[in-house]
């Protein structure tokens, strides 16, 4: 986990990015529910608040679990040219070729997604309601992360290209400003014959978009200059530097729908994975699990929301996800 702080004078300019931003992660998980088949949607809609609010759990665990951070990304560039196509698709093959220490050092998101897929499948087999819900929320988070271009590079925050802060800009600032205009219909969930190959497709498509993410931001900075790039916004008792709405709109326009496409890809893939886990888990009767026991209390949900509001700033204290 890499943490950097920027301090200007006596004012802390906080730039935090929590993968997609908490707003986007919660929106993605919530919308994935509506692509599920009739046999699943009743259960997931009944627990949609939990699935939505707990979408941020993996981000919160990063602060207390050192092993959590590598589960959110993979630095493909450290493995050489065309690494997205050449790296072993299966965990034990990758460990044999590179060692587990190396993999952990540079991120394991595609392999970890399939680990969680297996755990969720087993939860369905056991008809373990709590595990089904918790692992569904977690799986949605990791899949969404795999669909983010900046989660496929060691230059995850533009720190090597004089573009520091681009991580939170792309993942959090843009969705929060423009997601209300997106069209999120993705169709019905489909069974995935090989989930391990499927998640690597997400990584490949994310990595292919990476050049545009950096190039368009640099071009726009050169065209517009840095004087109009940032603004200071007050959030609670803090003054935060963030990207101006004008700069954000111009960059969003240059990306030509990229953020929307990656969010939609995340939504569809999450629904597909949940459905595949349910099928592979024996297609249990989820309606039989519908009861009020172990539902999150209003106080628990309120605490999650409060924590989200405190920590969901768009750009600055940058944490490698």
Protein backbone atom coordinates (compact mmCIF):
# COMPACT_ATOMS: atom_id res chain seq x y z
CA UNK A 1 0.00 0.00 0.00
CA UNK A 2 1.41 3.35 -1.01
CA UNK A 3 0.32 6.52 0.75
CA UNK A 4 1.31 10.01 -0.28
CA UNK A 5 0.23 13.28 1.31
CA UNK A 6 0.27 16.66 -0.33
CA UNK A 7 0.38 19.67 1.96
CA UNK A 8 0.23 23.23 0.70
CA UNK A 9 1.10 25.68 3.47
CA UNK A 10 -1.26 25.13 6.36
CA UNK A 11 -3.99 23.69 4.15
CA UNK A 12 -4.24 19.92 3.73
CA UNK A 13 -5.22 19.18 0.15
CA UNK A 14 -6.67 15.72 0.46
CA UNK A 15 -6.82 13.50 -2.61
CA UNK A 16 -8.21 10.10 -1.83
CA UNK A 17 -9.26 7.44 -4.25
CA UNK A 18 -10.94 4.26 -3.12
CA UNK A 19 -11.03 2.30 -6.37
CA UNK A 20 -13.91 3.71 -8.48
CA UNK A 21 -14.74 5.89 -5.45
CA UNK A 22 -17.25 4.72 -2.88
CA UNK A 23 -20.07 6.34 -4.86
CA UNK A 24 -19.31 4.36 -8.02
CA UNK A 25 -18.69 1.05 -6.24
CA UNK A 26 -22.04 1.29 -4.50
CA UNK A 27 -23.84 2.31 -7.70
CA UNK A 28 -22.26 -0.58 -9.62
CA UNK A 29 -23.18 -3.22 -7.03
CA UNK A 30 -26.72 -1.89 -6.73
CA UNK A 31 -27.38 -1.88 -10.47
CA UNK A 32 -25.98 -5.39 -10.93
CA UNK A 33 -28.87 -6.71 -8.83
CA UNK A 34 -31.39 -5.75 -11.51
CA UNK A 35 -29.76 -8.00 -14.13
CA UNK A 36 -30.32 -11.15 -12.08
CA UNK A 37 -32.87 -13.83 -13.09
CA UNK A 38 -36.21 -14.26 -11.24
CA UNK A 39 -34.80 -17.07 -9.09
CA UNK A 40 -32.22 -14.67 -7.61
CA UNK A 41 -33.53 -11.15 -7.87
CA UNK A 42 -36.04 -11.43 -5.03
CA UNK A 43 -33.32 -12.36 -2.54
CA UNK A 44 -30.87 -9.75 -3.80
CA UNK A 45 -33.47 -6.97 -3.97
CA UNK A 46 -34.55 -7.78 -0.42
CA UNK A 47 -30.93 -7.25 0.64
CA UNK A 48 -30.08 -4.51 -1.85
CA UNK A 49 -29.19 -1.99 0.84
CA UNK A 50 -26.65 -4.42 2.27
CA UNK A 51 -25.21 -5.26 -1.17
CA UNK A 52 -24.95 -1.54 -1.91
CA UNK A 53 -23.53 -0.30 1.38
CA UNK A 54 -21.08 -3.18 1.80
CA UNK A 55 -19.60 -2.65 -1.66
CA UNK A 56 -16.94 -0.57 0.08
CA UNK A 57 -15.91 -3.23 2.61
CA UNK A 58 -12.73 -4.30 0.77
CA UNK A 59 -11.53 -0.70 0.72
CA UNK A 60 -12.10 -0.38 4.45
CA UNK A 61 -10.15 -3.57 5.10
CA UNK A 62 -7.05 -2.10 3.47
CA UNK A 63 -6.48 -0.03 6.58
CA UNK A 64 -6.30 -3.04 8.89
CA UNK A 65 -5.21 -5.91 6.63
CA UNK A 66 -1.86 -5.53 4.83
CA UNK A 67 -2.72 -8.44 2.54
CA UNK A 68 -5.82 -6.66 1.24
CA UNK A 69 -4.23 -4.02 -0.98
CA UNK A 70 -2.83 -6.33 -3.73
CA UNK A 71 -6.29 -7.80 -4.28
CA UNK A 72 -7.43 -4.60 -6.02
CA UNK A 73 -4.95 -4.23 -8.89
CA UNK A 74 -2.27 -5.80 -11.07
CA UNK A 75 0.81 -3.91 -12.32
CA UNK A 76 1.04 -5.46 -15.76
CA UNK A 77 3.88 -3.22 -16.95
CA UNK A 78 6.39 -4.77 -14.54
CA UNK A 79 6.04 -8.09 -16.37
CA UNK A 80 7.08 -6.74 -19.76
CA UNK A 81 5.39 -6.23 -23.11
CA UNK A 82 2.03 -7.89 -23.75
CA UNK A 83 1.88 -9.13 -20.15
CA UNK A 84 -1.92 -9.03 -20.19
CA UNK A 85 -1.84 -11.79 -22.81
CA UNK A 86 1.14 -13.76 -21.51
CA UNK A 87 0.66 -14.01 -17.74
CA UNK A 88 -0.65 -17.38 -16.52
CA UNK A 89 -4.42 -17.33 -16.09
CA UNK A 90 -4.47 -19.75 -13.17
CA UNK A 91 -3.09 -19.01 -9.74
CA UNK A 92 -0.90 -22.05 -9.18
CA UNK A 93 0.62 -21.70 -12.64
CA UNK A 94 1.42 -18.06 -11.88
CA UNK A 95 2.94 -18.93 -8.50
CA UNK A 96 5.12 -21.59 -10.09
CA UNK A 97 6.41 -19.16 -12.71
CA UNK A 98 6.84 -15.99 -10.64
CA UNK A 99 6.54 -16.94 -6.92
CA UNK A 100 3.74 -15.82 -4.64
CA UNK A 101 5.85 -13.00 -3.18
CA UNK A 102 6.31 -11.45 -6.61
CA UNK A 103 2.63 -11.73 -7.45
CA UNK A 104 1.61 -10.16 -4.16
CA UNK A 105 4.08 -7.34 -4.68
CA UNK A 106 2.52 -6.33 -8.00
CA UNK A 107 -1.15 -7.16 -7.49
CA UNK A 108 -3.36 -10.20 -7.84
CA UNK A 109 -6.83 -8.89 -8.73
CA UNK A 110 -7.68 -11.33 -11.58
CA UNK A 111 -6.64 -14.35 -9.55
CA UNK A 112 -8.29 -13.10 -6.39
CA UNK A 113 -11.59 -12.59 -8.22
CA UNK A 114 -11.64 -16.27 -9.02
CA UNK A 115 -10.79 -17.17 -5.42
CA UNK A 116 -13.81 -15.19 -4.24
CA UNK A 117 -15.90 -16.79 -6.98
CA UNK A 118 -15.08 -20.18 -5.51
CA UNK A 119 -15.91 -19.05 -1.98
CA UNK A 120 -19.26 -17.63 -3.09
CA UNK A 121 -20.08 -20.82 -4.99
CA UNK A 122 -19.47 -22.83 -1.84
CA UNK A 123 -21.62 -20.42 0.17
CA UNK A 124 -24.50 -21.12 -2.21
CA UNK A 125 -23.92 -24.85 -1.80
CA UNK A 126 -24.13 -24.46 1.98
CA UNK A 127 -27.06 -22.02 1.67
CA UNK A 128 -25.16 -19.75 4.05
CA UNK A 129 -27.05 -16.49 3.82
CA UNK A 130 -24.50 -14.31 5.59
CA UNK A 131 -21.63 -15.58 3.46
CA UNK A 132 -23.66 -15.24 0.26
CA UNK A 133 -24.33 -11.60 1.00
CA UNK A 134 -20.86 -10.69 2.23
CA UNK A 135 -19.04 -12.48 -0.58
CA UNK A 136 -21.42 -11.10 -3.22
CA UNK A 137 -20.63 -7.56 -2.09
CA UNK A 138 -16.89 -8.29 -2.03
CA UNK A 139 -16.90 -10.00 -5.41
CA UNK A 140 -18.64 -7.00 -6.95
CA UNK A 141 -15.94 -4.72 -5.60
CA UNK A 142 -13.01 -6.72 -6.98
CA UNK A 143 -14.63 -7.20 -10.39
CA UNK A 144 -15.26 -3.47 -10.65
CA UNK A 145 -11.61 -2.81 -9.80
CA UNK A 146 -10.45 -5.14 -12.56
CA UNK A 147 -12.41 -2.99 -15.00
CA UNK A 148 -10.46 0.17 -14.16
CA UNK A 149 -7.54 1.02 -16.50
CA UNK A 150 -5.46 2.59 -13.72
CA UNK A 151 -5.58 -0.69 -11.79
CA UNK A 152 -3.41 -2.32 -14.45
CA UNK A 153 -0.26 -0.19 -14.17
CA UNK A 154 2.51 0.62 -11.73
CA UNK A 155 1.98 4.26 -12.73
CA UNK A 156 -1.42 4.00 -11.04
CA UNK A 157 -1.56 7.67 -10.04
CA UNK A 158 0.51 9.28 -12.76
CA UNK A 159 3.43 9.59 -10.35
CA UNK A 160 5.92 8.69 -13.09
CA UNK A 161 4.46 11.04 -15.73
CA UNK A 162 3.85 14.26 -13.79
CA UNK A 163 0.13 13.50 -13.60
CA UNK A 164 -0.21 12.96 -9.88
CA UNK A 165 -3.86 12.71 -8.85
CA UNK A 166 -5.17 11.16 -12.06
CA UNK A 167 -6.24 8.06 -10.14
CA UNK A 168 -8.89 9.80 -8.07
CA UNK A 169 -9.75 12.05 -11.00
CA UNK A 170 -10.70 9.19 -13.34
CA UNK A 171 -12.20 6.79 -10.79
CA UNK A 172 -14.04 9.13 -8.46
CA UNK A 173 -14.38 12.71 -9.69
CA UNK A 174 -15.69 11.83 -13.15
CA UNK A 175 -18.34 9.29 -12.06
CA UNK A 176 -19.61 11.59 -9.34
CA UNK A 177 -19.96 14.48 -11.79
CA UNK A 178 -21.37 12.65 -14.79
CA UNK A 179 -22.84 9.25 -13.85
CA UNK A 180 -26.37 10.63 -13.62
CA UNK A 181 -26.27 11.03 -17.41
CA UNK A 182 -25.13 7.46 -18.08
CA UNK A 183 -27.38 4.75 -19.51
CA UNK A 184 -26.74 1.66 -17.42
CA UNK A 185 -28.96 -0.99 -19.03
CA UNK A 186 -26.79 -4.08 -19.58
CA UNK A 187 -29.30 -6.87 -20.14
CA UNK A 188 -29.76 -10.09 -18.21
CA UNK A 189 -27.10 -12.06 -16.41
CA UNK A 190 -25.51 -14.90 -18.37
CA UNK A 191 -23.62 -18.01 -17.30
CA UNK A 192 -19.81 -17.81 -17.66
CA UNK A 193 -18.23 -21.14 -18.70
CA UNK A 194 -14.76 -20.11 -17.48
CA UNK A 195 -14.71 -17.28 -14.98
CA UNK A 196 -10.91 -17.17 -14.76
CA UNK A 197 -10.58 -16.41 -18.47
CA UNK A 198 -13.50 -13.99 -18.26
CA UNK A 199 -11.93 -11.79 -15.59
CA UNK A 200 -8.73 -11.62 -17.60
CA UNK A 201 -10.76 -10.25 -20.50
CA UNK A 202 -11.74 -7.39 -18.19
CA UNK A 203 -8.09 -6.74 -17.32
CA UNK A 204 -7.13 -6.76 -21.00
CA UNK A 205 -9.82 -4.27 -21.99
CA UNK A 206 -8.94 -2.04 -19.07
CA UNK A 207 -5.27 -2.05 -19.98
CA UNK A 208 -6.02 -1.27 -23.62
CA UNK A 209 -7.72 1.96 -22.50
CA UNK A 210 -4.78 3.05 -20.35
CA UNK A 211 -2.90 4.98 -23.04
CA UNK A 212 -5.90 7.24 -23.63
CA UNK A 213 -6.35 7.84 -19.90
CA UNK A 214 -2.85 9.34 -19.62
CA UNK A 215 -2.54 10.91 -23.07
CA UNK A 216 -5.80 12.86 -23.02
CA UNK A 217 -5.12 14.27 -19.56
CA UNK A 218 -1.65 15.41 -20.60
CA UNK A 219 -2.92 16.94 -23.84
CA UNK A 220 -5.66 18.81 -22.03
CA UNK A 221 -3.25 20.09 -19.38
CA UNK A 222 -0.97 21.42 -22.13
CA UNK A 223 -3.91 23.03 -23.94
CA UNK A 224 -5.60 24.56 -20.92
CA UNK A 225 -2.68 25.14 -18.59
CA UNK A 226 -2.59 24.31 -14.89
CA UNK A 227 -4.24 27.53 -13.74
CA UNK A 228 -7.72 26.24 -14.64
CA UNK A 229 -7.07 22.61 -13.77
CA UNK A 230 -7.75 22.69 -10.02
CA UNK A 231 -10.13 24.38 -7.60
CA UNK A 232 -10.33 24.42 -3.82
CA UNK A 233 -13.60 23.07 -2.45
CA UNK A 234 -14.69 23.01 1.16
CA UNK A 235 -15.89 19.62 2.42
CA UNK A 236 -16.99 19.81 6.01
CA UNK A 237 -14.08 21.38 7.90
CA UNK A 238 -11.49 20.61 5.22
CA UNK A 239 -10.32 22.56 2.19
CA UNK A 240 -9.72 20.11 -0.61
CA UNK A 241 -8.00 20.60 -3.92
CA UNK A 242 -9.80 18.83 -6.72
CA UNK A 243 -10.13 19.05 -10.49
CA UNK A 244 -12.32 21.89 -11.72
CA UNK A 245 -15.65 21.04 -13.28
CA UNK A 246 -14.58 22.69 -16.53
CA UNK A 247 -11.39 20.64 -16.79
CA UNK A 248 -13.29 17.52 -15.74
CA UNK A 249 -15.91 18.01 -18.46
CA UNK A 250 -13.32 18.55 -21.16
CA UNK A 251 -11.42 15.44 -20.08
CA UNK A 252 -14.63 13.43 -19.84
CA UNK A 253 -15.54 14.51 -23.37
CA UNK A 254 -12.11 13.46 -24.66
CA UNK A 255 -12.57 10.02 -23.10
CA UNK A 256 -15.71 9.68 -25.23
CA UNK A 257 -17.76 7.46 -22.93
CA UNK A 258 -14.89 5.42 -21.49
CA UNK A 259 -15.95 5.77 -17.85
CA UNK A 260 -19.53 4.82 -18.69
CA UNK A 261 -18.35 1.80 -20.69
CA UNK A 262 -16.15 0.54 -17.87
CA UNK A 263 -18.93 0.99 -15.31
CA UNK A 264 -21.38 -0.89 -17.55
CA UNK A 265 -18.84 -3.66 -18.11
CA UNK A 266 -18.47 -3.94 -14.34
CA UNK A 267 -22.22 -4.13 -13.76
CA UNK A 268 -22.72 -6.83 -16.38
CA UNK A 269 -19.75 -8.90 -15.23
CA UNK A 270 -20.80 -8.76 -11.58
CA UNK A 271 -24.30 -9.99 -12.41
CA UNK A 272 -22.83 -12.72 -14.61
CA UNK A 273 -20.47 -13.87 -11.83
CA UNK A 274 -23.22 -13.89 -9.17
CA UNK A 275 -25.44 -15.92 -11.49
CA UNK A 276 -22.61 -18.32 -12.35
CA UNK A 277 -21.82 -18.86 -8.67
CA UNK A 278 -25.48 -19.61 -7.98
CA UNK A 279 -25.68 -22.12 -10.86
CA UNK A 280 -22.40 -23.79 -9.89
CA UNK A 281 -23.60 -23.81 -6.29
CA UNK A 282 -26.57 -26.03 -7.16
CA UNK A 283 -29.18 -23.30 -7.80
CA UNK A 284 -30.46 -23.25 -4.21
CA UNK A 285 -33.87 -21.79 -3.40
CA UNK A 286 -32.91 -18.29 -2.28
CA UNK A 287 -36.48 -17.41 -1.38
CA UNK A 288 -36.18 -19.90 1.46
CA UNK A 289 -33.43 -17.73 2.92
CA UNK A 290 -35.59 -14.62 3.01
CA UNK A 291 -36.07 -13.62 6.61
CA UNK A 292 -35.23 -10.67 8.80
CA UNK A 293 -32.53 -12.35 10.89
CA UNK A 294 -29.04 -10.91 10.65
CA UNK A 295 -30.19 -7.90 8.64
CA UNK A 296 -27.92 -4.86 9.17
CA UNK A 297 -29.43 -2.48 11.70
CA UNK A 298 -30.25 1.11 10.84
CA UNK A 299 -27.40 2.16 13.13
CA UNK A 300 -24.92 -0.09 11.30
CA UNK A 301 -25.99 1.28 7.93
CA UNK A 302 -25.77 4.85 9.23
CA UNK A 303 -22.22 4.21 10.45
CA UNK A 304 -21.23 2.94 7.02
CA UNK A 305 -22.72 6.01 5.37
CA UNK A 306 -20.98 8.36 7.80
CA UNK A 307 -17.64 6.66 7.22
CA UNK A 308 -18.18 6.86 3.46
CA UNK A 309 -18.88 10.58 3.60
CA UNK A 310 -15.78 11.24 5.69
CA UNK A 311 -13.43 9.29 3.42
CA UNK A 312 -14.85 9.69 -0.07
CA UNK A 313 -12.94 12.70 -1.45
CA UNK A 314 -12.04 12.69 -5.09
CA UNK A 315 -8.31 13.18 -5.25
CA UNK A 316 -4.97 13.62 -2.98
CA UNK A 317 -4.08 11.22 -0.25
CA UNK A 318 -3.57 8.49 -2.79
CA UNK A 319 -3.75 4.89 -1.70
CA UNK A 320 -2.74 2.13 -4.10
CA UNK A 321 -5.83 0.01 -4.63
